[in-house]
Amino acid sequence: MKRKIVAMMLIAMMAFNATACGSSSDKSAKADKATKETTKDKKEDSTGSEKSDDEMSQAEWVEKNASNTEDGYDIVDSIDITSSTTTLKYTGSKVIDDTGEDGTTSKKVLLYFDFTNVNDSETSAESHYNFRVYQNGIQLDQWISMNNYDFSDESFDNTMKAILSGTTVNIAVAFELQDETSPLKLRVDNSLDDNGETQLFAQQQEIQLQ
């Protein structure tokens, strides 16, 4: 009889321990699940709390985009502007010698772009875009003609030509260089389209001469 009682007590203790262990495991699993859900909720709250550009104050927007702009120009890898009136895409550059009749030679850089007219009427690139180039922090002089009368470049001539709606031409603008090695800072904007309807763009890119 005593042996039966002892055996029953041992069985009861083992059952209690098993229940306790199971309860402990369940509590641990529930705690892990709660922690994961809390972390997930925090991430979702963090993501959901990010403001869009439209929701930001001017100061917040400036702080966010400070590294992507300079003097109001968006810093881009390559000029690429598309408005409701035209498109303009940078395609390359070329350094040339410009020698006048007096024998004086200057170095000039030609910057090339594809210009497309999406107006209903004819227009030209010079009617829409401003081009500025800086070298060593100094603005370079733009040239609309060359000292060398024999100079010929179809893209350079296209810059002031009017083109019809739906037409694309390659254009070029020329600037006199300070040297042939220092990189250029090119700035382009379509502020000439400031009519209250056309979206305005201002972009900046760096050009390596070598």
N, C-alpha and C. Protein backbone atom coordinates (compact mmCIF):
# COMPACT_ATOMS: atom_id res chain seq x y z
N MET A 1 0.83 -1.20 0.00
CA MET A 1 0.00 0.00 0.00
C MET A 1 0.86 1.25 0.00
N LYS A 2 1.90 1.22 0.85
CA LYS A 2 2.79 2.39 0.91
C LYS A 2 3.46 2.63 -0.42
N ARG A 3 3.84 1.49 -1.08
CA ARG A 3 4.51 1.63 -2.39
C ARG A 3 3.58 2.29 -3.41
N LYS A 4 2.29 1.91 -3.37
CA LYS A 4 1.32 2.50 -4.31
C LYS A 4 1.19 4.00 -4.07
N ILE A 5 1.13 4.37 -2.78
CA ILE A 5 0.99 5.80 -2.45
C ILE A 5 2.19 6.59 -2.93
N VAL A 6 3.41 6.01 -2.69
CA VAL A 6 4.64 6.69 -3.14
C VAL A 6 4.66 6.82 -4.65
N ALA A 7 4.25 5.74 -5.33
CA ALA A 7 4.25 5.76 -6.80
C ALA A 7 3.28 6.82 -7.32
N MET A 8 2.10 6.91 -6.69
CA MET A 8 1.11 7.91 -7.12
C MET A 8 1.62 9.33 -6.89
N MET A 9 2.34 9.52 -5.79
CA MET A 9 2.89 10.86 -5.50
C MET A 9 3.94 11.24 -6.53
N LEU A 10 4.78 10.25 -6.93
CA LEU A 10 5.81 10.52 -7.95
C LEU A 10 5.18 10.89 -9.28
N ILE A 11 4.12 10.14 -9.63
CA ILE A 11 3.43 10.43 -10.91
C ILE A 11 2.83 11.83 -10.88
N ALA A 12 2.24 12.20 -9.74
CA ALA A 12 1.62 13.52 -9.61
C ALA A 12 2.65 14.62 -9.74
N MET A 13 3.83 14.43 -9.12
CA MET A 13 4.90 15.43 -9.18
C MET A 13 5.41 15.60 -10.61
N MET A 14 5.56 14.46 -11.33
CA MET A 14 6.03 14.52 -12.71
C MET A 14 5.03 15.26 -13.59
N ALA A 15 3.76 15.01 -13.37
CA ALA A 15 2.72 15.68 -14.16
C ALA A 15 2.74 17.18 -13.89
N PHE A 16 2.95 17.56 -12.61
CA PHE A 16 3.01 18.98 -12.26
C PHE A 16 4.18 19.67 -12.93
N ASN A 17 5.35 19.00 -12.89
CA ASN A 17 6.55 19.57 -13.51
C ASN A 17 6.38 19.75 -15.01
N ALA A 18 5.75 18.75 -15.65
CA ALA A 18 5.52 18.83 -17.10
C ALA A 18 4.61 20.00 -17.43
N THR A 19 3.56 20.17 -16.59
CA THR A 19 2.64 21.29 -16.80
C THR A 19 3.34 22.61 -16.62
N ALA A 20 4.19 22.69 -15.60
CA ALA A 20 4.92 23.93 -15.32
C ALA A 20 5.85 24.28 -16.46
N CYS A 21 6.56 23.25 -16.98
CA CYS A 21 7.49 23.47 -18.11
C CYS A 21 6.74 23.94 -19.34
N GLY A 22 5.58 23.28 -19.59
CA GLY A 22 4.79 23.68 -20.76
C GLY A 22 4.30 25.10 -20.63
N SER A 23 3.88 25.48 -19.43
CA SER A 23 3.41 26.84 -19.19
C SER A 23 4.52 27.84 -19.41
N SER A 24 5.74 27.47 -18.93
CA SER A 24 6.89 28.36 -19.08
C SER A 24 7.23 28.56 -20.55
N SER A 25 7.19 27.45 -21.32
CA SER A 25 7.49 27.53 -22.76
C SER A 25 6.47 28.39 -23.47
N ASP A 26 5.18 28.20 -23.10
CA ASP A 26 4.12 29.00 -23.73
C ASP A 26 4.32 30.47 -23.45
N LYS A 27 4.67 30.78 -22.18
CA LYS A 27 4.88 32.19 -21.81
C LYS A 27 6.04 32.79 -22.60
N SER A 28 7.12 32.01 -22.77
CA SER A 28 8.30 32.48 -23.51
C SER A 28 7.95 32.73 -24.97
N ALA A 29 7.19 31.80 -25.57
CA ALA A 29 6.79 31.94 -26.97
C ALA A 29 5.90 33.16 -27.15
N LYS A 30 4.95 33.34 -26.19
CA LYS A 30 4.07 34.50 -26.27
C LYS A 30 4.85 35.80 -26.13
N ALA A 31 5.85 35.79 -25.25
CA ALA A 31 6.68 36.99 -25.04
C ALA A 31 7.45 37.33 -26.31
N ASP A 32 8.02 36.28 -26.96
CA ASP A 32 8.76 36.50 -28.21
C ASP A 32 7.84 37.06 -29.29
N LYS A 33 6.63 36.49 -29.38
CA LYS A 33 5.68 36.95 -30.38
C LYS A 33 5.29 38.41 -30.13
N ALA A 34 5.07 38.75 -28.85
CA ALA A 34 4.69 40.12 -28.50
C ALA A 34 5.80 41.10 -28.85
N THR A 35 7.06 40.67 -28.59
CA THR A 35 8.21 41.53 -28.90
C THR A 35 8.30 41.79 -30.39
N LYS A 36 8.13 40.70 -31.20
CA LYS A 36 8.20 40.85 -32.66
C LYS A 36 7.10 41.76 -33.18
N GLU A 37 5.88 41.59 -32.63
CA GLU A 37 4.76 42.41 -33.07
C GLU A 37 4.99 43.87 -32.71
N THR A 38 5.55 44.11 -31.51
CA THR A 38 5.84 45.48 -31.08
C THR A 38 6.87 46.12 -32.00
N THR A 39 7.93 45.35 -32.33
CA THR A 39 8.97 45.86 -33.24
C THR A 39 8.39 46.17 -34.60
N LYS A 40 7.51 45.26 -35.10
CA LYS A 40 6.88 45.46 -36.40
C LYS A 40 6.02 46.72 -36.39
N ASP A 41 5.24 46.90 -35.29
CA ASP A 41 4.39 48.08 -35.17
C ASP A 41 5.20 49.35 -35.16
N LYS A 42 6.36 49.30 -34.46
CA LYS A 42 7.21 50.49 -34.40
C LYS A 42 7.74 50.85 -35.77
N LYS A 43 8.15 49.80 -36.55
CA LYS A 43 8.66 50.05 -37.90
C LYS A 43 7.59 50.64 -38.78
N GLU A 44 6.35 50.07 -38.66
CA GLU A 44 5.25 50.59 -39.46
C GLU A 44 4.91 52.01 -39.07
N ASP A 45 4.95 52.29 -37.75
CA ASP A 45 4.68 53.65 -37.29
C ASP A 45 5.73 54.60 -37.80
N SER A 46 7.00 54.14 -37.79
CA SER A 46 8.10 54.98 -38.26
C SER A 46 7.96 55.29 -39.73
N THR A 47 7.60 54.24 -40.52
CA THR A 47 7.42 54.43 -41.96
C THR A 47 6.23 55.33 -42.23
N GLY A 48 5.16 55.09 -41.48
CA GLY A 48 3.96 55.88 -41.70
C GLY A 48 4.12 57.32 -41.28
N SER A 49 5.09 57.59 -40.39
CA SER A 49 5.26 58.95 -39.89
C SER A 49 6.10 59.82 -40.82
N GLU A 50 6.75 59.21 -41.85
CA GLU A 50 7.55 59.99 -42.78
C GLU A 50 6.64 60.88 -43.61
N LYS A 51 7.00 62.16 -43.71
CA LYS A 51 6.17 63.11 -44.42
C LYS A 51 6.52 63.13 -45.90
N SER A 52 5.50 63.35 -46.71
CA SER A 52 5.75 63.56 -48.13
C SER A 52 6.23 64.99 -48.32
N ASP A 53 6.76 65.30 -49.51
CA ASP A 53 7.24 66.66 -49.77
C ASP A 53 6.14 67.69 -49.59
N ASP A 54 4.90 67.32 -49.97
CA ASP A 54 3.78 68.25 -49.85
C ASP A 54 3.42 68.54 -48.40
N GLU A 55 3.70 67.58 -47.50
CA GLU A 55 3.35 67.75 -46.09
C GLU A 55 4.41 68.49 -45.30
N MET A 56 5.61 68.62 -45.87
CA MET A 56 6.72 69.26 -45.16
C MET A 56 6.61 70.78 -45.17
N SER A 57 7.14 71.38 -44.11
CA SER A 57 7.27 72.83 -44.10
C SER A 57 8.42 73.20 -45.02
N GLN A 58 8.55 74.47 -45.37
CA GLN A 58 9.64 74.89 -46.25
C GLN A 58 11.00 74.56 -45.64
N ALA A 59 11.13 74.78 -44.33
CA ALA A 59 12.40 74.52 -43.65
C ALA A 59 12.74 73.03 -43.68
N GLU A 60 11.72 72.17 -43.48
CA GLU A 60 11.94 70.72 -43.51
C GLU A 60 12.33 70.26 -44.91
N TRP A 61 11.67 70.83 -45.93
CA TRP A 61 11.97 70.43 -47.31
C TRP A 61 13.39 70.84 -47.69
N VAL A 62 13.79 72.05 -47.30
CA VAL A 62 15.13 72.54 -47.60
C VAL A 62 16.18 71.66 -46.94
N GLU A 63 15.93 71.28 -45.66
CA GLU A 63 16.88 70.44 -44.94
C GLU A 63 17.01 69.07 -45.61
N LYS A 64 15.88 68.49 -46.02
CA LYS A 64 15.89 67.17 -46.64
C LYS A 64 16.63 67.18 -47.97
N ASN A 65 16.45 68.24 -48.75
CA ASN A 65 17.00 68.26 -50.11
C ASN A 65 18.26 69.09 -50.23
N ALA A 66 18.82 69.51 -49.10
CA ALA A 66 20.01 70.38 -49.14
C ALA A 66 21.16 69.74 -49.90
N SER A 67 21.34 68.43 -49.72
CA SER A 67 22.47 67.76 -50.37
C SER A 67 22.22 67.50 -51.85
N ASN A 68 20.97 67.70 -52.31
CA ASN A 68 20.62 67.43 -53.70
C ASN A 68 20.42 68.70 -54.52
N THR A 69 20.63 69.85 -53.89
CA THR A 69 20.46 71.11 -54.60
C THR A 69 21.61 72.06 -54.30
N GLU A 70 21.79 73.02 -55.19
CA GLU A 70 22.78 74.06 -54.98
C GLU A 70 22.29 75.33 -55.66
N ASP A 71 22.13 76.39 -54.87
CA ASP A 71 21.64 77.67 -55.39
C ASP A 71 20.31 77.52 -56.12
N GLY A 72 19.47 76.57 -55.67
CA GLY A 72 18.17 76.40 -56.29
C GLY A 72 18.16 75.45 -57.47
N TYR A 73 19.32 74.90 -57.83
CA TYR A 73 19.42 73.96 -58.95
C TYR A 73 19.46 72.52 -58.42
N ASP A 74 18.67 71.65 -59.03
CA ASP A 74 18.72 70.23 -58.68
C ASP A 74 20.00 69.63 -59.25
N ILE A 75 20.79 68.96 -58.40
CA ILE A 75 22.03 68.33 -58.84
C ILE A 75 21.69 66.99 -59.48
N VAL A 76 22.05 66.83 -60.76
CA VAL A 76 21.73 65.62 -61.51
C VAL A 76 22.99 65.07 -62.16
N ASP A 77 22.92 63.81 -62.57
CA ASP A 77 24.04 63.21 -63.30
C ASP A 77 24.13 63.76 -64.71
N SER A 78 22.96 64.04 -65.30
CA SER A 78 22.93 64.54 -66.67
C SER A 78 21.67 65.38 -66.85
N ILE A 79 21.80 66.55 -67.47
CA ILE A 79 20.66 67.43 -67.69
C ILE A 79 19.59 66.69 -68.49
N ASP A 80 18.38 66.68 -67.95
CA ASP A 80 17.26 66.02 -68.62
C ASP A 80 15.98 66.70 -68.17
N ILE A 81 15.50 67.63 -68.98
CA ILE A 81 14.34 68.45 -68.63
C ILE A 81 13.18 68.14 -69.58
N THR A 82 12.03 67.88 -69.01
CA THR A 82 10.82 67.67 -69.81
C THR A 82 9.71 68.54 -69.24
N SER A 83 9.28 69.51 -70.03
CA SER A 83 8.18 70.38 -69.61
C SER A 83 7.02 70.18 -70.58
N SER A 84 5.99 70.98 -70.42
CA SER A 84 4.82 70.86 -71.29
C SER A 84 5.06 71.50 -72.66
N THR A 85 6.20 72.19 -72.82
CA THR A 85 6.48 72.87 -74.09
C THR A 85 7.66 72.28 -74.84
N THR A 86 8.68 71.80 -74.10
CA THR A 86 9.90 71.30 -74.75
C THR A 86 10.55 70.21 -73.90
N THR A 87 11.54 69.54 -74.50
CA THR A 87 12.42 68.66 -73.73
C THR A 87 13.86 68.99 -74.11
N LEU A 88 14.77 68.78 -73.16
CA LEU A 88 16.18 69.06 -73.39
C LEU A 88 17.01 68.01 -72.66
N LYS A 89 17.89 67.32 -73.40
CA LYS A 89 18.72 66.26 -72.81
C LYS A 89 20.17 66.45 -73.23
N TYR A 90 21.05 66.46 -72.24
CA TYR A 90 22.49 66.60 -72.50
C TYR A 90 23.00 65.35 -73.20
N THR A 91 23.84 65.56 -74.26
CA THR A 91 24.36 64.41 -75.01
C THR A 91 25.88 64.35 -75.06
N GLY A 92 26.59 65.43 -74.68
CA GLY A 92 28.05 65.34 -74.69
C GLY A 92 28.73 66.69 -74.82
N SER A 93 30.07 66.66 -74.89
CA SER A 93 30.85 67.90 -74.98
C SER A 93 32.07 67.69 -75.87
N LYS A 94 32.63 68.81 -76.33
CA LYS A 94 33.83 68.75 -77.17
C LYS A 94 34.62 70.05 -77.00
N VAL A 95 35.94 69.94 -76.80
CA VAL A 95 36.81 71.12 -76.70
C VAL A 95 37.43 71.38 -78.06
N ILE A 96 37.41 72.65 -78.48
CA ILE A 96 37.95 73.01 -79.79
C ILE A 96 38.91 74.20 -79.66
N ASP A 97 39.77 74.36 -80.67
CA ASP A 97 40.61 75.55 -80.80
C ASP A 97 39.88 76.54 -81.69
N ASP A 98 39.73 77.77 -81.21
CA ASP A 98 39.09 78.82 -82.00
C ASP A 98 40.13 79.89 -82.32
N THR A 99 40.59 79.91 -83.56
CA THR A 99 41.66 80.83 -83.97
C THR A 99 41.09 81.93 -84.85
N GLY A 100 41.32 83.17 -84.44
CA GLY A 100 40.83 84.30 -85.21
C GLY A 100 41.77 84.70 -86.32
N GLU A 101 41.40 85.72 -87.08
CA GLU A 101 42.22 86.19 -88.20
C GLU A 101 43.55 86.75 -87.73
N ASP A 102 43.61 87.23 -86.49
CA ASP A 102 44.86 87.79 -85.97
C ASP A 102 45.79 86.70 -85.45
N GLY A 103 45.37 85.45 -85.53
CA GLY A 103 46.20 84.34 -85.09
C GLY A 103 46.03 83.96 -83.64
N THR A 104 45.23 84.74 -82.91
CA THR A 104 44.99 84.43 -81.50
C THR A 104 44.07 83.22 -81.37
N THR A 105 44.49 82.29 -80.53
CA THR A 105 43.71 81.05 -80.34
C THR A 105 43.17 80.96 -78.92
N SER A 106 41.93 80.59 -78.81
CA SER A 106 41.32 80.37 -77.49
C SER A 106 40.66 79.00 -77.48
N LYS A 107 40.58 78.42 -76.29
CA LYS A 107 39.94 77.12 -76.12
C LYS A 107 38.47 77.32 -75.78
N LYS A 108 37.62 76.64 -76.52
CA LYS A 108 36.19 76.72 -76.25
C LYS A 108 35.62 75.31 -76.11
N VAL A 109 34.57 75.21 -75.30
CA VAL A 109 33.90 73.93 -75.14
C VAL A 109 32.51 74.03 -75.74
N LEU A 110 32.16 73.03 -76.52
CA LEU A 110 30.82 72.92 -77.08
C LEU A 110 30.04 71.89 -76.26
N LEU A 111 28.88 72.29 -75.78
CA LEU A 111 28.02 71.40 -75.00
C LEU A 111 26.80 71.06 -75.85
N TYR A 112 26.54 69.78 -76.01
CA TYR A 112 25.51 69.31 -76.94
C TYR A 112 24.27 68.80 -76.20
N PHE A 113 23.11 69.07 -76.82
CA PHE A 113 21.82 68.66 -76.24
C PHE A 113 20.87 68.24 -77.36
N ASP A 114 19.99 67.30 -77.04
CA ASP A 114 18.84 67.02 -77.92
C ASP A 114 17.69 67.89 -77.46
N PHE A 115 17.17 68.70 -78.39
CA PHE A 115 16.08 69.62 -78.09
C PHE A 115 14.85 69.21 -78.89
N THR A 116 13.72 69.05 -78.18
CA THR A 116 12.47 68.65 -78.84
C THR A 116 11.39 69.70 -78.58
N ASN A 117 10.67 70.05 -79.64
CA ASN A 117 9.58 71.00 -79.53
C ASN A 117 8.27 70.24 -79.38
N VAL A 118 7.61 70.40 -78.24
CA VAL A 118 6.29 69.79 -78.06
C VAL A 118 5.21 70.87 -77.98
N ASN A 119 5.57 72.10 -78.42
CA ASN A 119 4.61 73.18 -78.56
C ASN A 119 3.69 72.90 -79.74
N ASP A 120 2.60 73.65 -79.80
CA ASP A 120 1.74 73.58 -80.98
C ASP A 120 2.29 74.45 -82.11
N SER A 121 3.19 75.35 -81.76
CA SER A 121 3.76 76.26 -82.77
C SER A 121 5.27 76.11 -82.79
N GLU A 122 5.91 76.68 -83.82
CA GLU A 122 7.36 76.58 -83.94
C GLU A 122 8.06 77.34 -82.83
N THR A 123 9.25 76.89 -82.49
CA THR A 123 10.03 77.56 -81.45
C THR A 123 11.48 77.14 -81.57
N SER A 124 12.34 77.80 -80.79
CA SER A 124 13.78 77.48 -80.80
C SER A 124 14.26 77.27 -79.37
N ALA A 125 15.40 76.62 -79.23
CA ALA A 125 15.95 76.34 -77.90
C ALA A 125 16.27 77.62 -77.14
N GLU A 126 16.79 78.62 -77.85
CA GLU A 126 17.17 79.87 -77.18
C GLU A 126 15.97 80.62 -76.62
N SER A 127 14.76 80.26 -77.07
CA SER A 127 13.55 80.91 -76.58
C SER A 127 13.07 80.34 -75.25
N HIS A 128 13.68 79.24 -74.82
CA HIS A 128 13.20 78.55 -73.62
C HIS A 128 14.25 78.37 -72.53
N TYR A 129 15.52 78.27 -72.91
CA TYR A 129 16.54 77.83 -71.94
C TYR A 129 17.67 78.84 -71.73
N ASN A 130 18.08 78.92 -70.47
CA ASN A 130 19.29 79.66 -70.09
C ASN A 130 20.39 78.65 -69.80
N PHE A 131 21.60 78.93 -70.30
CA PHE A 131 22.75 78.05 -70.06
C PHE A 131 23.84 78.85 -69.35
N ARG A 132 24.33 78.32 -68.24
CA ARG A 132 25.45 78.94 -67.53
C ARG A 132 26.49 77.87 -67.23
N VAL A 133 27.76 78.24 -67.41
CA VAL A 133 28.85 77.29 -67.14
C VAL A 133 29.88 77.97 -66.25
N TYR A 134 30.36 77.24 -65.24
CA TYR A 134 31.36 77.76 -64.30
C TYR A 134 32.59 76.84 -64.32
N GLN A 135 33.75 77.47 -64.23
CA GLN A 135 35.01 76.72 -64.11
C GLN A 135 35.86 77.39 -63.04
N ASN A 136 36.32 76.62 -62.08
CA ASN A 136 37.06 77.16 -60.94
C ASN A 136 36.25 78.22 -60.20
N GLY A 137 34.92 78.03 -60.18
CA GLY A 137 34.04 78.95 -59.46
C GLY A 137 33.72 80.23 -60.20
N ILE A 138 34.20 80.39 -61.43
CA ILE A 138 33.99 81.62 -62.21
C ILE A 138 33.12 81.32 -63.42
N GLN A 139 32.13 82.19 -63.67
CA GLN A 139 31.24 81.99 -64.81
C GLN A 139 32.00 82.24 -66.11
N LEU A 140 31.83 81.33 -67.06
CA LEU A 140 32.50 81.44 -68.35
C LEU A 140 31.65 82.25 -69.33
N ASP A 141 32.32 82.89 -70.28
CA ASP A 141 31.63 83.68 -71.30
C ASP A 141 31.05 82.76 -72.36
N GLN A 142 29.77 83.01 -72.69
CA GLN A 142 29.14 82.23 -73.75
C GLN A 142 29.36 82.93 -75.09
N TRP A 143 29.61 82.14 -76.12
CA TRP A 143 29.84 82.67 -77.46
C TRP A 143 28.72 82.21 -78.39
N ILE A 144 28.16 83.18 -79.13
CA ILE A 144 27.12 82.84 -80.10
C ILE A 144 27.70 82.76 -81.51
N SER A 145 28.97 83.13 -81.65
CA SER A 145 29.68 82.98 -82.92
C SER A 145 31.15 82.76 -82.61
N MET A 146 31.90 82.25 -83.58
CA MET A 146 33.30 81.94 -83.38
C MET A 146 34.20 82.95 -84.08
N ASN A 147 35.42 83.12 -83.54
CA ASN A 147 36.41 83.97 -84.20
C ASN A 147 36.83 83.38 -85.54
N ASN A 148 36.86 82.07 -85.59
CA ASN A 148 37.23 81.37 -86.81
C ASN A 148 36.04 81.34 -87.77
N TYR A 149 36.13 82.11 -88.83
CA TYR A 149 35.01 82.20 -89.76
C TYR A 149 34.75 80.89 -90.50
N ASP A 150 35.75 80.03 -90.53
CA ASP A 150 35.61 78.75 -91.21
C ASP A 150 34.99 77.68 -90.31
N PHE A 151 34.75 78.05 -89.06
CA PHE A 151 34.17 77.07 -88.13
C PHE A 151 32.79 76.65 -88.60
N SER A 152 32.54 75.36 -88.54
CA SER A 152 31.24 74.84 -88.95
C SER A 152 30.81 73.71 -88.02
N ASP A 153 29.62 73.84 -87.46
CA ASP A 153 29.06 72.79 -86.60
C ASP A 153 27.54 72.88 -86.71
N GLU A 154 26.94 71.87 -87.26
CA GLU A 154 25.49 71.89 -87.50
C GLU A 154 24.70 72.08 -86.21
N SER A 155 25.12 71.40 -85.14
CA SER A 155 24.40 71.51 -83.87
C SER A 155 24.48 72.93 -83.32
N PHE A 156 25.66 73.56 -83.46
CA PHE A 156 25.84 74.93 -83.00
C PHE A 156 24.91 75.87 -83.77
N ASP A 157 24.77 75.63 -85.07
CA ASP A 157 23.88 76.45 -85.89
C ASP A 157 22.41 76.22 -85.54
N ASN A 158 22.08 75.02 -85.07
CA ASN A 158 20.67 74.69 -84.78
C ASN A 158 20.12 75.42 -83.56
N THR A 159 20.99 75.92 -82.70
CA THR A 159 20.55 76.50 -81.42
C THR A 159 19.56 77.64 -81.60
N MET A 160 19.78 78.45 -82.62
CA MET A 160 18.91 79.61 -82.83
C MET A 160 17.86 79.38 -83.91
N LYS A 161 17.83 78.17 -84.46
CA LYS A 161 16.85 77.88 -85.51
C LYS A 161 15.50 77.48 -84.90
N ALA A 162 14.42 77.95 -85.53
CA ALA A 162 13.08 77.55 -85.11
C ALA A 162 12.76 76.19 -85.71
N ILE A 163 12.12 75.35 -84.91
CA ILE A 163 11.70 74.03 -85.40
C ILE A 163 10.21 73.85 -85.15
N LEU A 164 9.59 73.01 -85.97
CA LEU A 164 8.15 72.79 -85.87
C LEU A 164 7.81 71.82 -84.73
N SER A 165 6.54 71.79 -84.38
CA SER A 165 6.06 70.91 -83.31
C SER A 165 6.37 69.45 -83.63
N GLY A 166 6.88 68.72 -82.63
CA GLY A 166 7.20 67.32 -82.81
C GLY A 166 8.58 67.05 -83.36
N THR A 167 9.35 68.10 -83.63
CA THR A 167 10.68 67.95 -84.22
C THR A 167 11.76 67.92 -83.13
N THR A 168 12.78 67.11 -83.34
CA THR A 168 13.94 67.04 -82.44
C THR A 168 15.21 67.35 -83.22
N VAL A 169 16.05 68.23 -82.68
CA VAL A 169 17.34 68.53 -83.28
C VAL A 169 18.41 68.51 -82.20
N ASN A 170 19.64 68.27 -82.60
CA ASN A 170 20.76 68.37 -81.68
C ASN A 170 21.29 69.80 -81.75
N ILE A 171 21.45 70.42 -80.58
CA ILE A 171 21.95 71.79 -80.52
C ILE A 171 23.26 71.83 -79.74
N ALA A 172 23.97 72.95 -79.82
CA ALA A 172 25.21 73.10 -79.06
C ALA A 172 25.36 74.55 -78.62
N VAL A 173 25.89 74.73 -77.42
CA VAL A 173 26.22 76.07 -76.92
C VAL A 173 27.71 76.09 -76.62
N ALA A 174 28.35 77.26 -76.82
CA ALA A 174 29.81 77.35 -76.70
C ALA A 174 30.22 78.30 -75.58
N PHE A 175 31.27 77.92 -74.85
CA PHE A 175 31.81 78.74 -73.77
C PHE A 175 33.33 78.73 -73.85
N GLU A 176 33.94 79.89 -73.54
CA GLU A 176 35.40 79.98 -73.56
C GLU A 176 35.97 79.48 -72.24
N LEU A 177 36.92 78.55 -72.33
CA LEU A 177 37.49 77.91 -71.15
C LEU A 177 38.62 78.72 -70.53
N GLN A 178 38.79 78.53 -69.22
CA GLN A 178 39.97 79.06 -68.53
C GLN A 178 41.16 78.13 -68.73
N ASP A 179 40.87 76.83 -68.67
CA ASP A 179 41.90 75.81 -68.89
C ASP A 179 41.24 74.55 -69.42
N GLU A 180 42.03 73.56 -69.77
CA GLU A 180 41.51 72.35 -70.40
C GLU A 180 41.34 71.17 -69.45
N THR A 181 41.59 71.39 -68.17
CA THR A 181 41.56 70.27 -67.23
C THR A 181 40.52 70.39 -66.12
N SER A 182 40.29 71.60 -65.64
CA SER A 182 39.37 71.77 -64.50
C SER A 182 37.94 71.43 -64.92
N PRO A 183 37.21 70.70 -64.07
CA PRO A 183 35.83 70.33 -64.41
C PRO A 183 34.92 71.54 -64.51
N LEU A 184 33.82 71.35 -65.20
CA LEU A 184 32.84 72.41 -65.41
C LEU A 184 31.58 72.14 -64.60
N LYS A 185 30.95 73.22 -64.18
CA LYS A 185 29.64 73.12 -63.54
C LYS A 185 28.63 73.74 -64.51
N LEU A 186 27.77 72.91 -65.05
CA LEU A 186 26.77 73.35 -66.03
C LEU A 186 25.43 73.53 -65.35
N ARG A 187 24.82 74.70 -65.57
CA ARG A 187 23.49 74.97 -65.03
C ARG A 187 22.54 75.34 -66.16
N VAL A 188 21.39 74.70 -66.17
CA VAL A 188 20.38 74.94 -67.21
C VAL A 188 19.03 75.12 -66.55
N ASP A 189 18.27 76.11 -67.03
CA ASP A 189 16.91 76.29 -66.53
C ASP A 189 16.01 76.75 -67.67
N ASN A 190 14.72 76.54 -67.50
CA ASN A 190 13.74 76.98 -68.50
C ASN A 190 12.92 78.14 -67.98
N SER A 191 13.57 79.04 -67.25
CA SER A 191 12.86 80.19 -66.65
C SER A 191 12.28 81.12 -67.71
N LEU A 192 12.74 81.01 -68.95
CA LEU A 192 12.16 81.82 -70.03
C LEU A 192 10.73 81.39 -70.32
N ASP A 193 10.34 80.22 -69.80
CA ASP A 193 8.97 79.72 -69.95
C ASP A 193 8.06 80.16 -68.80
N ASP A 194 8.52 81.10 -67.99
CA ASP A 194 7.77 81.50 -66.80
C ASP A 194 6.53 82.30 -67.19
N ASN A 195 5.47 81.57 -67.54
CA ASN A 195 4.21 82.19 -67.94
C ASN A 195 3.08 81.87 -66.96
N GLY A 196 3.43 81.24 -65.84
CA GLY A 196 2.42 80.89 -64.86
C GLY A 196 1.74 79.57 -65.12
N GLU A 197 2.04 78.94 -66.26
CA GLU A 197 1.42 77.67 -66.62
C GLU A 197 2.44 76.55 -66.78
N THR A 198 3.57 76.84 -67.41
CA THR A 198 4.58 75.82 -67.67
C THR A 198 5.40 75.54 -66.41
N GLN A 199 5.61 74.26 -66.11
CA GLN A 199 6.43 73.89 -64.95
C GLN A 199 7.88 74.29 -65.21
N LEU A 200 8.50 74.89 -64.20
CA LEU A 200 9.87 75.36 -64.35
C LEU A 200 10.86 74.37 -63.74
N PHE A 201 12.01 74.25 -64.40
CA PHE A 201 13.07 73.34 -63.95
C PHE A 201 14.40 74.08 -63.91
N ALA A 202 15.25 73.68 -62.97
CA ALA A 202 16.61 74.21 -62.88
C ALA A 202 17.51 73.05 -62.47
N GLN A 203 18.41 72.65 -63.37
CA GLN A 203 19.26 71.49 -63.11
C GLN A 203 20.74 71.84 -63.26
N GLN A 204 21.56 71.10 -62.54
CA GLN A 204 23.01 71.32 -62.54
C GLN A 204 23.74 69.98 -62.65
N GLN A 205 24.77 69.94 -63.48
CA GLN A 205 25.59 68.74 -63.58
C GLN A 205 27.06 69.12 -63.68
N GLU A 206 27.93 68.19 -63.33
CA GLU A 206 29.37 68.41 -63.46
C GLU A 206 29.86 67.71 -64.72
N ILE A 207 30.77 68.39 -65.43
CA ILE A 207 31.33 67.84 -66.66
C ILE A 207 32.84 67.74 -66.52
N GLN A 208 33.37 66.56 -66.72
CA GLN A 208 34.81 66.34 -66.70
C GLN A 208 35.36 66.53 -68.11
N LEU A 209 36.36 67.38 -68.24
CA LEU A 209 36.94 67.64 -69.56
C LEU A 209 37.91 66.54 -69.97
N GLN A 210 38.51 65.86 -68.99
CA GLN A 210 39.46 64.79 -69.30
C GLN A 210 39.11 63.52 -68.55
